[in-house]
Amino acid sequence: MAYNVIDDFLPQADFLAIRTLLLGTEFPWYLNAAIVINDLAHDIEPAYNWQFCHIFVREGVVNSNGYKLLDPLILKLEAKSIQRVKANLKPATYRIMQHGVHTDDVPHSDTTAIYYVNDNNGMTVFEDGNAVRSRANRLLVFDSSTKHTGTTCTDAEMRCVINLNYSRAD
């Protein structure tokens, strides 16, 4: 399985602007009452199977005023078309819990990128057991058909990531 990890993906000023927006007190987060809607979430207790989300782009259409602040991130990806951009915020739990393994089945998208907004001991785990730890300003890129899952964290107040689904081809 191939994936690419790029540390210090954005210049510090761009990274700080995104982090300040997403972790600030004025950002609109929306409750996603069930992170996993299938029975593959073998490790997450029902009381912790939720997160906050913010959809920036859905089905290729911009859905959020905050999208403009993500321009440095989007431009650096060199994507031909952006199909979905979604921020996820998961509060800390008493132990690291893994959500269900899935693929990002987004039409017209062949690539998934996960941009980590803050440092914590949460991670993205692939079906084969490889894992990439959440590190602020890190980008993880892989084929959208790759099975993966996210986790909660225990050493920070929350785990915040931006999930991007896009196409590299015309």
Foldseek 3Di string as FASTA:
>chain_A
DDKDKDALQDPPVLLVLVLCQVVPPPHDWAKDQAQDPDPQQPFDDNVQRIWTKDWQAAQQRGDDPCVVSCVRVVVSVQFPTWHTKMKIKGFADQDKGKGGWDFPPTPQFFKKKKAWNDAFQKWKAFPVGDIDHRHHRMMMMDTRRTIIIIIWGHPDRITMMMMTTGHRDD
